[in-house]
Structure formats: structure tokens, C-alpha cells
PDB file of N, CA and C in Angstrom:
ATOM      1  N   UNK A   1      53.322  24.622  -5.397  1.00  0.00           N
ATOM      2  CA  UNK A   1      52.215  25.380  -4.565  1.00  0.00           C
ATOM      3  C   UNK A   1      53.003  26.547  -3.897  1.00  0.00           C
ATOM      4  N   UNK A   2      52.426  27.792  -4.113  1.00  0.00           N
ATOM      5  CA  UNK A   2      52.943  28.903  -3.659  1.00  0.00           C
ATOM      6  C   UNK A   2      51.846  30.028  -3.576  1.00  0.00           C
ATOM      7  N   UNK A   3      52.085  30.879  -2.489  1.00  0.00           N
ATOM      8  CA  UNK A   3      51.207  31.973  -2.342  1.00  0.00           C
ATOM      9  C   UNK A   3      52.143  33.034  -2.816  1.00  0.00           C
ATOM     10  N   UNK A   4      51.638  33.811  -3.788  1.00  0.00           N
ATOM     11  CA  UNK A   4      52.413  34.883  -4.436  1.00  0.00           C
ATOM     12  C   UNK A   4      52.526  36.027  -3.405  1.00  0.00           C
ATOM     13  N   UNK A   5      53.526  36.759  -3.371  1.00  0.00           N
ATOM     14  CA  UNK A   5      53.592  38.076  -2.458  1.00  0.00           C
ATOM     15  C   UNK A   5      52.245  38.776  -2.641  1.00  0.00           C
ATOM     16  N   UNK A   6      51.812  39.332  -1.556  1.00  0.00           N
ATOM     17  CA  UNK A   6      50.508  39.924  -1.621  1.00  0.00           C
ATOM     18  C   UNK A   6      50.558  41.101  -2.491  1.00  0.00           C
ATOM     19  N   UNK A   7      51.614  41.863  -2.578  1.00  0.00           N
ATOM     20  CA  UNK A   7      51.851  43.150  -3.509  1.00  0.00           C
ATOM     21  C   UNK A   7      51.862  42.817  -4.934  1.00  0.00           C
ATOM     22  N   UNK A   8      52.063  41.388  -5.335  1.00  0.00           N
ATOM     23  CA  UNK A   8      52.096  40.995  -6.576  1.00  0.00           C
ATOM     24  C   UNK A   8      50.725  40.671  -7.240  1.00  0.00           C
ATOM     25  N   UNK A   9      49.769  40.508  -6.470  1.00  0.00           N
ATOM     26  CA  UNK A   9      48.437  40.120  -6.932  1.00  0.00           C
ATOM     27  C   UNK A   9      47.929  40.859  -8.143  1.00  0.00           C
ATOM     28  N   UNK A  10      47.977  42.098  -7.890  1.00  0.00           N
ATOM     29  CA  UNK A  10      47.363  43.046  -9.012  1.00  0.00           C
ATOM     30  C   UNK A  10      48.251  42.964 -10.228  1.00  0.00           C
ATOM     31  N   UNK A  11      49.541  42.366 -10.181  1.00  0.00           N
ATOM     32  CA  UNK A  11      50.336  42.391 -11.350  1.00  0.00           C
ATOM     33  C   UNK A  11      50.462  41.028 -12.035  1.00  0.00           C
ATOM     34  N   UNK A  12      49.946  39.949 -11.266  1.00  0.00           N
ATOM     35  CA  UNK A  12      49.970  38.618 -11.839  1.00  0.00           C
ATOM     36  C   UNK A  12      49.273  38.544 -13.201  1.00  0.00           C
ATOM     37  N   UNK A  13      49.913  37.731 -14.147  1.00  0.00           N
ATOM     38  CA  UNK A  13      49.015  37.418 -15.312  1.00  0.00           C
ATOM     39  C   UNK A  13      47.829  36.549 -14.963  1.00  0.00           C
ATOM     40  N   UNK A  14      46.890  36.535 -15.918  1.00  0.00           N
ATOM     41  CA  UNK A  14      45.738  35.908 -15.606  1.00  0.00           C
ATOM     42  C   UNK A  14      45.944  34.463 -15.210  1.00  0.00           C
ATOM     43  N   UNK A  15      46.793  33.601 -15.809  1.00  0.00           N
ATOM     44  CA  UNK A  15      46.996  32.299 -15.534  1.00  0.00           C
ATOM     45  C   UNK A  15      47.564  32.069 -14.007  1.00  0.00           C
ATOM     46  N   UNK A  16      48.517  32.879 -13.666  1.00  0.00           N
ATOM     47  CA  UNK A  16      48.957  32.914 -12.352  1.00  0.00           C
ATOM     48  C   UNK A  16      47.865  33.250 -11.302  1.00  0.00           C
ATOM     49  N   UNK A  17      47.092  34.256 -11.495  1.00  0.00           N
ATOM     50  CA  UNK A  17      46.003  34.704 -10.627  1.00  0.00           C
ATOM     51  C   UNK A  17      45.042  33.575 -10.457  1.00  0.00           C
ATOM     52  N   UNK A  18      44.535  33.003 -11.594  1.00  0.00           N
ATOM     53  CA  UNK A  18      43.482  31.914 -11.554  1.00  0.00           C
ATOM     54  C   UNK A  18      44.133  30.692 -10.698  1.00  0.00           C
ATOM     55  N   UNK A  19      45.475  30.521 -11.043  1.00  0.00           N
ATOM     56  CA  UNK A  19      46.141  29.465 -10.276  1.00  0.00           C
ATOM     57  C   UNK A  19      46.155  29.623  -8.837  1.00  0.00           C
ATOM     58  N   UNK A  20      46.325  30.957  -8.438  1.00  0.00           N
ATOM     59  CA  UNK A  20      46.355  31.237  -7.148  1.00  0.00           C
ATOM     60  C   UNK A  20      45.005  31.014  -6.353  1.00  0.00           C
ATOM     61  N   UNK A  21      44.011  31.247  -7.060  1.00  0.00           N
ATOM     62  CA  UNK A  21      42.557  31.070  -6.482  1.00  0.00           C
ATOM     63  C   UNK A  21      42.495  29.583  -6.193  1.00  0.00           C
ATOM     64  N   UNK A  22      42.939  28.723  -7.233  1.00  0.00           N
ATOM     65  CA  UNK A  22      42.778  27.215  -7.028  1.00  0.00           C
ATOM     66  C   UNK A  22      43.571  26.850  -5.825  1.00  0.00           C
ATOM     67  N   UNK A  23      44.811  27.315  -5.616  1.00  0.00           N
ATOM     68  CA  UNK A  23      45.821  27.043  -4.547  1.00  0.00           C
ATOM     69  C   UNK A  23      45.130  27.447  -3.253  1.00  0.00           C
ATOM     70  N   UNK A  24      44.503  28.545  -3.069  1.00  0.00           N
ATOM     71  CA  UNK A  24      43.788  28.895  -1.969  1.00  0.00           C
ATOM     72  C   UNK A  24      42.763  28.167  -1.481  1.00  0.00           C
ATOM     73  N   UNK A  25      41.877  27.682  -2.543  1.00  0.00           N
ATOM     74  CA  UNK A  25      40.699  26.809  -2.232  1.00  0.00           C
ATOM     75  C   UNK A  25      41.191  25.480  -1.671  1.00  0.00           C
ATOM     76  N   UNK A  26      42.269  25.019  -2.246  1.00  0.00           N
ATOM     77  CA  UNK A  26      42.803  23.645  -1.936  1.00  0.00           C
ATOM     78  C   UNK A  26      43.350  23.884  -0.576  1.00  0.00           C
ATOM     79  N   UNK A  27      44.241  24.991  -0.137  1.00  0.00           N
ATOM     80  CA  UNK A  27      44.715  25.007   1.210  1.00  0.00           C
ATOM     81  C   UNK A  27      43.461  25.156   2.101  1.00  0.00           C
ATOM     82  N   UNK A  28      42.488  26.015   1.908  1.00  0.00           N
ATOM     83  CA  UNK A  28      41.396  26.279   2.776  1.00  0.00           C
ATOM     84  C   UNK A  28      40.680  24.972   3.150  1.00  0.00           C
ATOM     85  N   UNK A  29      40.465  24.193   2.128  1.00  0.00           N
ATOM     86  CA  UNK A  29      39.836  22.904   2.142  1.00  0.00           C
ATOM     87  C   UNK A  29      40.612  21.901   3.110  1.00  0.00           C
ATOM     88  N   UNK A  30      40.833  20.674   2.658  1.00  0.00           N
ATOM     89  CA  UNK A  30      41.396  19.736   3.464  1.00  0.00           C
ATOM     90  C   UNK A  30      42.986  19.816   3.272  1.00  0.00           C
ATOM     91  N   UNK A  31      43.459  20.726   2.462  1.00  0.00           N
ATOM     92  CA  UNK A  31      44.915  20.960   2.323  1.00  0.00           C
ATOM     93  C   UNK A  31      45.562  21.595   3.440  1.00  0.00           C
ATOM     94  N   UNK A  32      44.697  22.216   4.412  1.00  0.00           N
ATOM     95  CA  UNK A  32      45.375  23.133   5.477  1.00  0.00           C
ATOM     96  C   UNK A  32      46.172  22.103   6.330  1.00  0.00           C
ATOM     97  N   UNK A  33      47.542  22.533   6.495  1.00  0.00           N
ATOM     98  CA  UNK A  33      48.213  21.754   7.576  1.00  0.00           C
ATOM     99  C   UNK A  33      48.986  20.711   6.946  1.00  0.00           C
ATOM    100  N   UNK A  34      48.728  20.498   5.629  1.00  0.00           N
ATOM    101  CA  UNK A  34      49.665  19.424   4.882  1.00  0.00           C
ATOM    102  C   UNK A  34      50.901  20.109   4.505  1.00  0.00           C
ATOM    103  N   UNK A  35      51.993  19.393   4.742  1.00  0.00           N
ATOM    104  CA  UNK A  35      53.264  19.855   4.607  1.00  0.00           C
ATOM    105  C   UNK A  35      53.609  20.239   3.048  1.00  0.00           C
ATOM    106  N   UNK A  36      54.178  21.500   2.830  1.00  0.00           N
ATOM    107  CA  UNK A  36      54.690  21.763   1.605  1.00  0.00           C
ATOM    108  C   UNK A  36      55.715  22.865   1.838  1.00  0.00           C
ATOM    109  N   UNK A  37      56.758  22.660   1.443  1.00  0.00           N
ATOM    110  CA  UNK A  37      58.022  23.554   1.674  1.00  0.00           C
ATOM    111  C   UNK A  37      57.862  24.983   1.421  1.00  0.00           C
ATOM    112  N   UNK A  38      57.148  25.297   0.318  1.00  0.00           N
ATOM    113  CA  UNK A  38      56.980  26.592  -0.005  1.00  0.00           C
ATOM    114  C   UNK A  38      55.880  27.371   0.751  1.00  0.00           C
ATOM    115  N   UNK A  39      54.855  26.646   1.194  1.00  0.00           N
ATOM    116  CA  UNK A  39      53.713  27.348   1.981  1.00  0.00           C
ATOM    117  C   UNK A  39      53.579  27.033   3.477  1.00  0.00           C
ATOM    118  N   UNK A  40      54.730  26.290   3.987  1.00  0.00           N
ATOM    119  CA  UNK A  40      54.605  25.805   5.439  1.00  0.00           C
ATOM    120  C   UNK A  40      54.380  27.013   6.368  1.00  0.00           C
ATOM    121  N   UNK A  41      54.799  28.179   5.995  1.00  0.00           N
ATOM    122  CA  UNK A  41      54.690  29.367   6.947  1.00  0.00           C
ATOM    123  C   UNK A  41      53.150  29.684   7.148  1.00  0.00           C
ATOM    124  N   UNK A  42      52.324  29.247   6.190  1.00  0.00           N
ATOM    125  CA  UNK A  42      50.845  29.559   6.364  1.00  0.00           C
ATOM    126  C   UNK A  42      50.326  28.923   7.547  1.00  0.00           C
ATOM    127  N   UNK A  43      50.942  27.788   7.898  1.00  0.00           N
ATOM    128  CA  UNK A  43      50.323  26.951   9.033  1.00  0.00           C
ATOM    129  C   UNK A  43      50.800  27.368  10.395  1.00  0.00           C
ATOM    130  N   UNK A  44      51.671  28.411  10.449  1.00  0.00           N
ATOM    131  CA  UNK A  44      52.002  29.034  11.787  1.00  0.00           C
ATOM    132  C   UNK A  44      50.993  29.922  12.243  1.00  0.00           C
ATOM    133  N   UNK A  45      49.963  30.256  11.480  1.00  0.00           N
ATOM    134  CA  UNK A  45      49.037  31.310  11.646  1.00  0.00           C
ATOM    135  C   UNK A  45      47.585  30.736  11.729  1.00  0.00           C
ATOM    136  N   UNK A  46      46.666  31.439  12.238  1.00  0.00           N
ATOM    137  CA  UNK A  46      45.241  31.092  12.159  1.00  0.00           C
ATOM    138  C   UNK A  46      44.931  31.000  10.612  1.00  0.00           C
ATOM    139  N   UNK A  47      43.972  30.119  10.449  1.00  0.00           N
ATOM    140  CA  UNK A  47      43.529  29.830   9.085  1.00  0.00           C
ATOM    141  C   UNK A  47      42.733  31.077   8.533  1.00  0.00           C
ATOM    142  N   UNK A  48      42.317  32.056   9.538  1.00  0.00           N
ATOM    143  CA  UNK A  48      41.691  33.236   9.078  1.00  0.00           C
ATOM    144  C   UNK A  48      42.588  34.069   8.258  1.00  0.00           C
ATOM    145  N   UNK A  49      43.916  33.988   8.486  1.00  0.00           N
ATOM    146  CA  UNK A  49      44.913  34.736   7.597  1.00  0.00           C
ATOM    147  C   UNK A  49      44.906  34.287   6.305  1.00  0.00           C
ATOM    148  N   UNK A  50      44.757  32.958   6.018  1.00  0.00           N
ATOM    149  CA  UNK A  50      44.596  32.406   4.659  1.00  0.00           C
ATOM    150  C   UNK A  50      43.400  32.905   3.974  1.00  0.00           C
ATOM    151  N   UNK A  51      42.279  32.875   4.945  1.00  0.00           N
ATOM    152  CA  UNK A  51      41.065  33.374   4.306  1.00  0.00           C
ATOM    153  C   UNK A  51      41.094  34.794   3.803  1.00  0.00           C
ATOM    154  N   UNK A  52      41.827  35.588   4.667  1.00  0.00           N
ATOM    155  CA  UNK A  52      42.109  36.967   4.204  1.00  0.00           C
ATOM    156  C   UNK A  52      42.848  37.021   2.890  1.00  0.00           C
ATOM    157  N   UNK A  53      43.867  36.343   2.803  1.00  0.00           N
ATOM    158  CA  UNK A  53      44.739  36.299   1.559  1.00  0.00           C
ATOM    159  C   UNK A  53      43.801  35.846   0.401  1.00  0.00           C
ATOM    160  N   UNK A  54      42.939  34.800   0.573  1.00  0.00           N
ATOM    161  CA  UNK A  54      42.097  34.355  -0.367  1.00  0.00           C
ATOM    162  C   UNK A  54      41.010  35.378  -0.901  1.00  0.00           C
ATOM    163  N   UNK A  55      40.564  36.216   0.237  1.00  0.00           N
ATOM    164  CA  UNK A  55      39.633  37.306  -0.125  1.00  0.00           C
ATOM    165  C   UNK A  55      40.279  38.276  -1.086  1.00  0.00           C
ATOM    166  N   UNK A  56      41.627  38.557  -0.736  1.00  0.00           N
ATOM    167  CA  UNK A  56      42.299  39.645  -1.504  1.00  0.00           C
ATOM    168  C   UNK A  56      42.566  39.031  -2.989  1.00  0.00           C
ATOM    169  N   UNK A  57      42.681  37.724  -3.075  1.00  0.00           N
ATOM    170  CA  UNK A  57      42.821  37.092  -4.506  1.00  0.00           C
ATOM    171  C   UNK A  57      41.401  37.320  -5.175  1.00  0.00           C
ATOM    172  N   UNK A  58      40.422  36.998  -4.410  1.00  0.00           N
ATOM    173  CA  UNK A  58      39.039  37.123  -4.931  1.00  0.00           C
ATOM    174  C   UNK A  58      38.701  38.573  -5.397  1.00  0.00           C
ATOM    175  N   UNK A  59      39.121  39.567  -4.625  1.00  0.00           N
ATOM    176  CA  UNK A  59      38.943  40.857  -5.034  1.00  0.00           C
ATOM    177  C   UNK A  59      39.545  41.337  -6.218  1.00  0.00           C
ATOM    178  N   UNK A  60      40.911  40.777  -6.399  1.00  0.00           N
ATOM    179  CA  UNK A  60      41.640  41.272  -7.541  1.00  0.00           C
ATOM    180  C   UNK A  60      40.931  40.508  -8.781  1.00  0.00           C
ATOM    181  N   UNK A  61      40.442  39.389  -8.640  1.00  0.00           N
ATOM    182  CA  UNK A  61      39.671  38.685  -9.783  1.00  0.00           C
ATOM    183  C   UNK A  61      38.498  39.643 -10.104  1.00  0.00           C
ATOM    184  N   UNK A  62      37.820  40.112  -9.201  1.00  0.00           N
ATOM    185  CA  UNK A  62      36.616  40.695  -9.343  1.00  0.00           C
ATOM    186  C   UNK A  62      36.824  42.172 -10.093  1.00  0.00           C
ATOM    187  N   UNK A  63      38.046  42.807  -9.515  1.00  0.00           N
ATOM    188  CA  UNK A  63      38.547  44.065 -10.210  1.00  0.00           C
ATOM    189  C   UNK A  63      38.813  43.794 -11.619  1.00  0.00           C
ATOM    190  N   UNK A  64      39.191  42.692 -12.055  1.00  0.00           N
ATOM    191  CA  UNK A  64      39.692  42.429 -13.463  1.00  0.00           C
ATOM    192  C   UNK A  64      38.513  42.009 -14.265  1.00  0.00           C
ATOM    193  N   UNK A  65      37.377  41.804 -13.701  1.00  0.00           N
ATOM    194  CA  UNK A  65      36.138  41.528 -14.398  1.00  0.00           C
ATOM    195  C   UNK A  65      35.909  39.867 -14.552  1.00  0.00           C
ATOM    196  N   UNK A  66      36.715  39.140 -13.733  1.00  0.00           N
ATOM    197  CA  UNK A  66      36.560  37.826 -13.652  1.00  0.00           C
ATOM    198  C   UNK A  66      35.451  37.485 -12.889  1.00  0.00           C
ATOM    199  N   UNK A  67      34.943  36.260 -12.915  1.00  0.00           N
ATOM    200  CA  UNK A  67      33.698  35.897 -12.132  1.00  0.00           C
ATOM    201  C   UNK A  67      34.060  34.625 -11.206  1.00  0.00           C
ATOM    202  N   UNK A  68      34.885  34.820 -10.228  1.00  0.00           N
ATOM    203  CA  UNK A  68      35.216  33.651  -9.375  1.00  0.00           C
ATOM    204  C   UNK A  68      34.010  33.299  -8.619  1.00  0.00           C
ATOM    205  N   UNK A  69      33.915  31.987  -8.501  1.00  0.00           N
ATOM    206  CA  UNK A  69      32.729  31.490  -7.593  1.00  0.00           C
ATOM    207  C   UNK A  69      33.070  31.337  -6.114  1.00  0.00           C
ATOM    208  N   UNK A  70      32.482  32.334  -5.388  1.00  0.00           N
ATOM    209  CA  UNK A  70      32.731  32.250  -3.999  1.00  0.00           C
ATOM    210  C   UNK A  70      32.233  31.130  -3.273  1.00  0.00           C
ATOM    211  N   UNK A  71      31.290  30.516  -3.846  1.00  0.00           N
ATOM    212  CA  UNK A  71      30.804  29.114  -3.240  1.00  0.00           C
ATOM    213  C   UNK A  71      31.870  28.052  -3.108  1.00  0.00           C
ATOM    214  N   UNK A  72      33.019  28.281  -3.953  1.00  0.00           N
ATOM    215  CA  UNK A  72      34.153  27.336  -3.799  1.00  0.00           C
ATOM    216  C   UNK A  72      34.736  27.450  -2.484  1.00  0.00           C
ATOM    217  N   UNK A  73      34.916  28.665  -2.057  1.00  0.00           N
ATOM    218  CA  UNK A  73      35.473  28.942  -0.671  1.00  0.00           C
ATOM    219  C   UNK A  73      34.634  28.426   0.403  1.00  0.00           C
ATOM    220  N   UNK A  74      33.247  28.640   0.256  1.00  0.00           N
ATOM    221  CA  UNK A  74      32.320  28.148   1.406  1.00  0.00           C
ATOM    222  C   UNK A  74      32.234  26.549   1.216  1.00  0.00           C
ATOM    223  N   UNK A  75      32.468  26.053   0.143  1.00  0.00           N
ATOM    224  CA  UNK A  75      32.401  24.470   0.165  1.00  0.00           C
ATOM    225  C   UNK A  75      33.753  23.928   0.675  1.00  0.00           C
ATOM    226  N   UNK A  76      34.780  24.644   0.459  1.00  0.00           N
ATOM    227  CA  UNK A  76      36.094  24.217   1.107  1.00  0.00           C
ATOM    228  C   UNK A  76      36.043  24.230   2.607  1.00  0.00           C
ATOM    229  N   UNK A  77      35.407  25.442   3.153  1.00  0.00           N
ATOM    230  CA  UNK A  77      35.204  25.467   4.632  1.00  0.00           C
ATOM    231  C   UNK A  77      34.284  24.363   5.104  1.00  0.00           C
ATOM    232  N   UNK A  78      33.335  24.159   4.381  1.00  0.00           N
ATOM    233  CA  UNK A  78      32.416  23.111   4.775  1.00  0.00           C
ATOM    234  C   UNK A  78      33.015  21.828   4.954  1.00  0.00           C
ATOM    235  N   UNK A  79      33.841  21.380   3.907  1.00  0.00           N
ATOM    236  CA  UNK A  79      34.713  20.291   3.934  1.00  0.00           C
ATOM    237  C   UNK A  79      35.670  20.212   5.057  1.00  0.00           C
ATOM    238  N   UNK A  80      36.180  21.223   5.287  1.00  0.00           N
ATOM    239  CA  UNK A  80      37.402  21.359   6.437  1.00  0.00           C
ATOM    240  C   UNK A  80      36.734  21.279   7.869  1.00  0.00           C
ATOM    241  N   UNK A  81      35.676  22.118   8.000  1.00  0.00           N
ATOM    242  CA  UNK A  81      35.156  22.039   9.411  1.00  0.00           C
ATOM    243  C   UNK A  81      33.953  21.248   9.657  1.00  0.00           C
ATOM    244  N   UNK A  82      33.291  20.737   8.569  1.00  0.00           N
ATOM    245  CA  UNK A  82      32.233  19.860   8.592  1.00  0.00           C
ATOM    246  C   UNK A  82      31.054  20.597   9.225  1.00  0.00           C
ATOM    247  N   UNK A  83      30.995  21.797   8.690  1.00  0.00           N
ATOM    248  CA  UNK A  83      30.009  22.791   9.213  1.00  0.00           C
ATOM    249  C   UNK A  83      28.860  23.092   8.122  1.00  0.00           C
ATOM    250  N   UNK A  84      27.929  23.772   8.384  1.00  0.00           N
ATOM    251  CA  UNK A  84      26.898  24.151   7.567  1.00  0.00           C
ATOM    252  C   UNK A  84      27.247  25.304   6.614  1.00  0.00           C
ATOM    253  N   UNK A  85      26.576  25.663   5.753  1.00  0.00           N
ATOM    254  CA  UNK A  85      26.733  26.772   4.719  1.00  0.00           C
ATOM    255  C   UNK A  85      26.775  28.216   5.351  1.00  0.00           C
ATOM    256  N   UNK A  86      25.816  28.232   6.229  1.00  0.00           N
ATOM    257  CA  UNK A  86      25.779  29.676   7.168  1.00  0.00           C
ATOM    258  C   UNK A  86      27.066  29.800   7.997  1.00  0.00           C
ATOM    259  N   UNK A  87      27.406  28.881   8.607  1.00  0.00           N
ATOM    260  CA  UNK A  87      28.716  28.785   9.327  1.00  0.00           C
ATOM    261  C   UNK A  87      29.880  29.033   8.513  1.00  0.00           C
ATOM    262  N   UNK A  88      29.944  28.496   7.373  1.00  0.00           N
ATOM    263  CA  UNK A  88      31.133  28.754   6.294  1.00  0.00           C
ATOM    264  C   UNK A  88      31.154  30.148   6.072  1.00  0.00           C
ATOM    265  N   UNK A  89      29.923  30.715   5.690  1.00  0.00           N
ATOM    266  CA  UNK A  89      29.820  32.162   5.237  1.00  0.00           C
ATOM    267  C   UNK A  89      30.336  32.959   6.341  1.00  0.00           C
ATOM    268  N   UNK A  90      29.897  32.718   7.623  1.00  0.00           N
ATOM    269  CA  UNK A  90      30.378  33.635   8.748  1.00  0.00           C
ATOM    270  C   UNK A  90      31.773  33.470   8.914  1.00  0.00           C
ATOM    271  N   UNK A  91      32.424  32.306   8.914  1.00  0.00           N
ATOM    272  CA  UNK A  91      33.918  32.053   9.090  1.00  0.00           C
ATOM    273  C   UNK A  91      34.727  32.920   8.099  1.00  0.00           C
ATOM    274  N   UNK A  92      34.185  32.960   6.803  1.00  0.00           N
ATOM    275  CA  UNK A  92      34.867  33.735   5.794  1.00  0.00           C
ATOM    276  C   UNK A  92      34.705  35.274   6.057  1.00  0.00           C
ATOM    277  N   UNK A  93      33.536  35.635   6.300  1.00  0.00           N
ATOM    278  CA  UNK A  93      33.309  37.051   6.601  1.00  0.00           C
ATOM    279  C   UNK A  93      33.966  37.549   7.717  1.00  0.00           C
ATOM    280  N   UNK A  94      34.469  36.741   8.730  1.00  0.00           N
ATOM    281  CA  UNK A  94      35.270  37.206   9.845  1.00  0.00           C
ATOM    282  C   UNK A  94      36.693  37.322   9.747  1.00  0.00           C
ATOM    283  N   UNK A  95      37.204  37.339   8.383  1.00  0.00           N
ATOM    284  CA  UNK A  95      38.714  37.130   8.226  1.00  0.00           C
ATOM    285  C   UNK A  95      38.983  38.551   7.833  1.00  0.00           C
ATOM    286  N   UNK A  96      38.464  39.583   7.598  1.00  0.00           N
ATOM    287  CA  UNK A  96      38.956  40.844   7.012  1.00  0.00           C
ATOM    288  C   UNK A  96      39.886  41.526   7.774  1.00  0.00           C
ATOM    289  N   UNK A  97      39.833  41.510   9.320  1.00  0.00           N
ATOM    290  CA  UNK A  97      40.657  42.076  10.180  1.00  0.00           C
ATOM    291  C   UNK A  97      42.109  41.508  10.367  1.00  0.00           C
ATOM    292  N   UNK A  98      42.221  40.310   9.720  1.00  0.00           N
ATOM    293  CA  UNK A  98      43.462  39.711   9.924  1.00  0.00           C
ATOM    294  C   UNK A  98      44.558  40.459   9.251  1.00  0.00           C
ATOM    295  N   UNK A  99      45.768  40.184   9.746  1.00  0.00           N
ATOM    296  CA  UNK A  99      46.978  40.853   9.241  1.00  0.00           C
ATOM    297  C   UNK A  99      47.355  40.057   7.880  1.00  0.00           C
ATOM    298  N   UNK A 100      48.295  40.697   7.044  1.00  0.00           N
ATOM    299  CA  UNK A 100      48.821  39.971   5.990  1.00  0.00           C
ATOM    300  C   UNK A 100      50.043  39.056   6.546  1.00  0.00           C
ATOM    301  N   UNK A 101      50.628  38.148   5.817  1.00  0.00           N
ATOM    302  CA  UNK A 101      51.764  37.323   6.246  1.00  0.00           C
ATOM    303  C   UNK A 101      52.957  38.149   6.327  1.00  0.00           C
ATOM    304  N   UNK A 102      53.694  38.061   7.397  1.00  0.00           N
ATOM    305  CA  UNK A 102      54.837  38.844   7.662  1.00  0.00           C
ATOM    306  C   UNK A 102      55.939  38.262   6.689  1.00  0.00           C
ATOM    307  N   UNK A 103      55.830  37.114   6.222  1.00  0.00           N
ATOM    308  CA  UNK A 103      56.797  36.366   5.372  1.00  0.00           C
ATOM    309  C   UNK A 103      56.794  37.145   3.958  1.00  0.00           C
ATOM    310  N   UNK A 104      55.786  37.909   3.717  1.00  0.00           N
ATOM    311  CA  UNK A 104      55.681  38.586   2.471  1.00  0.00           C
ATOM    312  C   UNK A 104      56.457  39.763   2.526  1.00  0.00           C
ATOM    313  N   UNK A 105      57.817  39.679   2.797  1.00  0.00           N
ATOM    314  CA  UNK A 105      58.548  40.803   2.835  1.00  0.00           C
ATOM    315  C   UNK A 105      59.457  40.972   1.453  1.00  0.00           C
ATOM    316  N   UNK A 106      60.388  41.848   1.496  1.00  0.00           N
ATOM    317  CA  UNK A 106      61.103  42.335   0.391  1.00  0.00           C
ATOM    318  C   UNK A 106      61.961  40.996  -0.253  1.00  0.00           C
ATOM    319  N   UNK A 107      62.429  40.263   0.662  1.00  0.00           N
ATOM    320  CA  UNK A 107      63.096  39.125   0.225  1.00  0.00           C
ATOM    321  C   UNK A 107      62.267  38.059  -0.565  1.00  0.00           C
ATOM    322  N   UNK A 108      61.002  38.022   0.137  1.00  0.00           N
ATOM    323  CA  UNK A 108      60.101  37.024  -0.556  1.00  0.00           C
ATOM    324  C   UNK A 108      59.507  37.567  -2.046  1.00  0.00           C
ATOM    325  N   UNK A 109      59.476  39.108  -1.974  1.00  0.00           N
ATOM    326  CA  UNK A 109      59.073  39.521  -3.264  1.00  0.00           C
ATOM    327  C   UNK A 109      60.124  39.219  -4.356  1.00  0.00           C
ATOM    328  N   UNK A 110      61.346  39.348  -3.886  1.00  0.00           N
ATOM    329  CA  UNK A 110      62.528  39.055  -4.975  1.00  0.00           C
ATOM    330  C   UNK A 110      62.344  37.573  -5.342  1.00  0.00           C
ATOM    331  N   UNK A 111      62.132  36.701  -4.353  1.00  0.00           N
ATOM    332  CA  UNK A 111      61.947  35.308  -4.736  1.00  0.00           C
ATOM    333  C   UNK A 111      60.744  34.950  -5.721  1.00  0.00           C
ATOM    334  N   UNK A 112      59.833  35.728  -5.439  1.00  0.00           N
ATOM    335  CA  UNK A 112      58.512  35.574  -6.247  1.00  0.00           C
ATOM    336  C   UNK A 112      58.820  36.103  -7.700  1.00  0.00           C
ATOM    337  N   UNK A 113      59.419  37.246  -7.808  1.00  0.00           N
ATOM    338  CA  UNK A 113      59.701  37.966  -9.133  1.00  0.00           C
ATOM    339  C   UNK A 113      60.702  36.989  -9.927  1.00  0.00           C
ATOM    340  N   UNK A 114      61.744  36.427  -9.176  1.00  0.00           N
ATOM    341  CA  UNK A 114      62.622  35.431  -9.850  1.00  0.00           C
ATOM    342  C   UNK A 114      61.864  34.212 -10.410  1.00  0.00           C
ATOM    343  N   UNK A 115      60.944  33.794  -9.522  1.00  0.00           N
ATOM    344  CA  UNK A 115      60.224  32.525  -9.849  1.00  0.00           C
ATOM    345  C   UNK A 115      59.396  32.871 -11.223  1.00  0.00           C
ATOM    346  N   UNK A 116      58.798  33.839 -11.336  1.00  0.00           N
ATOM    347  CA  UNK A 116      57.988  34.389 -12.425  1.00  0.00           C
ATOM    348  C   UNK A 116      58.856  34.578 -13.645  1.00  0.00           C
ATOM    349  N   UNK A 117      60.120  35.136 -13.538  1.00  0.00           N
ATOM    350  CA  UNK A 117      60.975  35.310 -14.590  1.00  0.00           C
ATOM    351  C   UNK A 117      61.458  34.099 -15.071  1.00  0.00           C
ATOM    352  N   UNK A 118      61.451  33.004 -14.256  1.00  0.00           N
ATOM    353  CA  UNK A 118      61.820  31.656 -14.663  1.00  0.00           C
ATOM    354  C   UNK A 118      60.659  30.992 -15.559  1.00  0.00           C
ATOM    355  N   UNK A 119      59.434  31.592 -15.453  1.00  0.00           N
ATOM    356  CA  UNK A 119      58.424  31.235 -16.220  1.00  0.00           C
ATOM    357  C   UNK A 119      58.242  32.022 -17.429  1.00  0.00           C
ATOM    358  N   UNK A 120      59.087  33.024 -17.667  1.00  0.00           N
ATOM    359  CA  UNK A 120      59.086  33.902 -18.732  1.00  0.00           C
ATOM    360  C   UNK A 120      58.211  35.183 -18.531  1.00  0.00           C
ATOM    361  N   UNK A 121      57.839  35.484 -17.286  1.00  0.00           N
ATOM    362  CA  UNK A 121      56.993  36.545 -16.951  1.00  0.00           C
ATOM    363  C   UNK A 121      57.779  37.528 -16.277  1.00  0.00           C
ATOM    364  N   UNK A 122      57.775  38.907 -16.994  1.00  0.00           N
ATOM    365  CA  UNK A 122      58.361  39.918 -16.338  1.00  0.00           C
ATOM    366  C   UNK A 122      57.419  40.915 -15.642  1.00  0.00           C
ATOM    367  N   UNK A 123      57.697  41.230 -14.518  1.00  0.00           N
ATOM    368  CA  UNK A 123      56.684  42.025 -13.614  1.00  0.00           C
ATOM    369  C   UNK A 123      57.352  43.436 -13.282  1.00  0.00           C
ATOM    370  N   UNK A 124      56.742  44.369 -13.673  1.00  0.00           N
ATOM    371  CA  UNK A 124      57.035  45.729 -13.424  1.00  0.00           C
ATOM    372  C   UNK A 124      56.477  46.308 -12.038  1.00  0.00           C
ATOM    373  N   UNK A 125      57.317  46.714 -11.157  1.00  0.00           N
ATOM    374  CA  UNK A 125      56.925  47.232  -9.958  1.00  0.00           C
ATOM    375  C   UNK A 125      56.639  48.783  -9.827  1.00  0.00           C
TER     376      UNK A 125
END
């Protein structure tokens, strides 16, 4: 489980971007707060930051012509908060002013690039 560096989203191959979407949905749902070494930093912040990251993944998918189902995000929020559909939509729509993760720095970028190289994926920056 990994959240790729925010600046890599536009460069990720299809498989990694779609995987990132699934990871985000899982984390937003009942996975938020469950320990995992690679993403523990996410839990130091408001979950709105994760929703913003997810929205950036969604936007990249839309830019590529993919058709991600936004209902997946709403359903994850409904499971997590035990709220209704309208509340889930409102929660998600209020995330856009959040900051990006400070952990997505140059060192983390190098770590992500090395991880991708280990999968046989070369990223040009």
C-alpha cells in the first residue's frame, strides 16, 4: 500500500494509477487509521487531506479519458461515517482547500521512483 508522490500522478502508468484509485477508496473507507508502514503518515492529518489526494487521482483519471466511478468515494465515506449520501458528497466536496502531504518531498519522490524502477517502470520527470 502506497500513495505515490503527488507529482507522479500524471506520469504513472495506467495500472499504477488505477491501483492508486483503489488504495484511496480503501483508505477512505474503513481502512483509515489501520496501521501500514508505508502510509502511516496519512493518519497524522485530517482525512480531508486524503480526500483531496483522492480527488487529484480522480482528476488525473478523468484527464486520461478514464471513467472512474465517484460513487465509490461516496460509498466509502458512507461506510466510514455511517452517514447518508448527501452528507458524503458534502464531505468530499469540502476537501479542495486542503494542503498536500508534506511527506511528498524530494526524498519521497526518489523513493517512489526507485520503487517504480523495481517494477520495471522508468519515469521521466
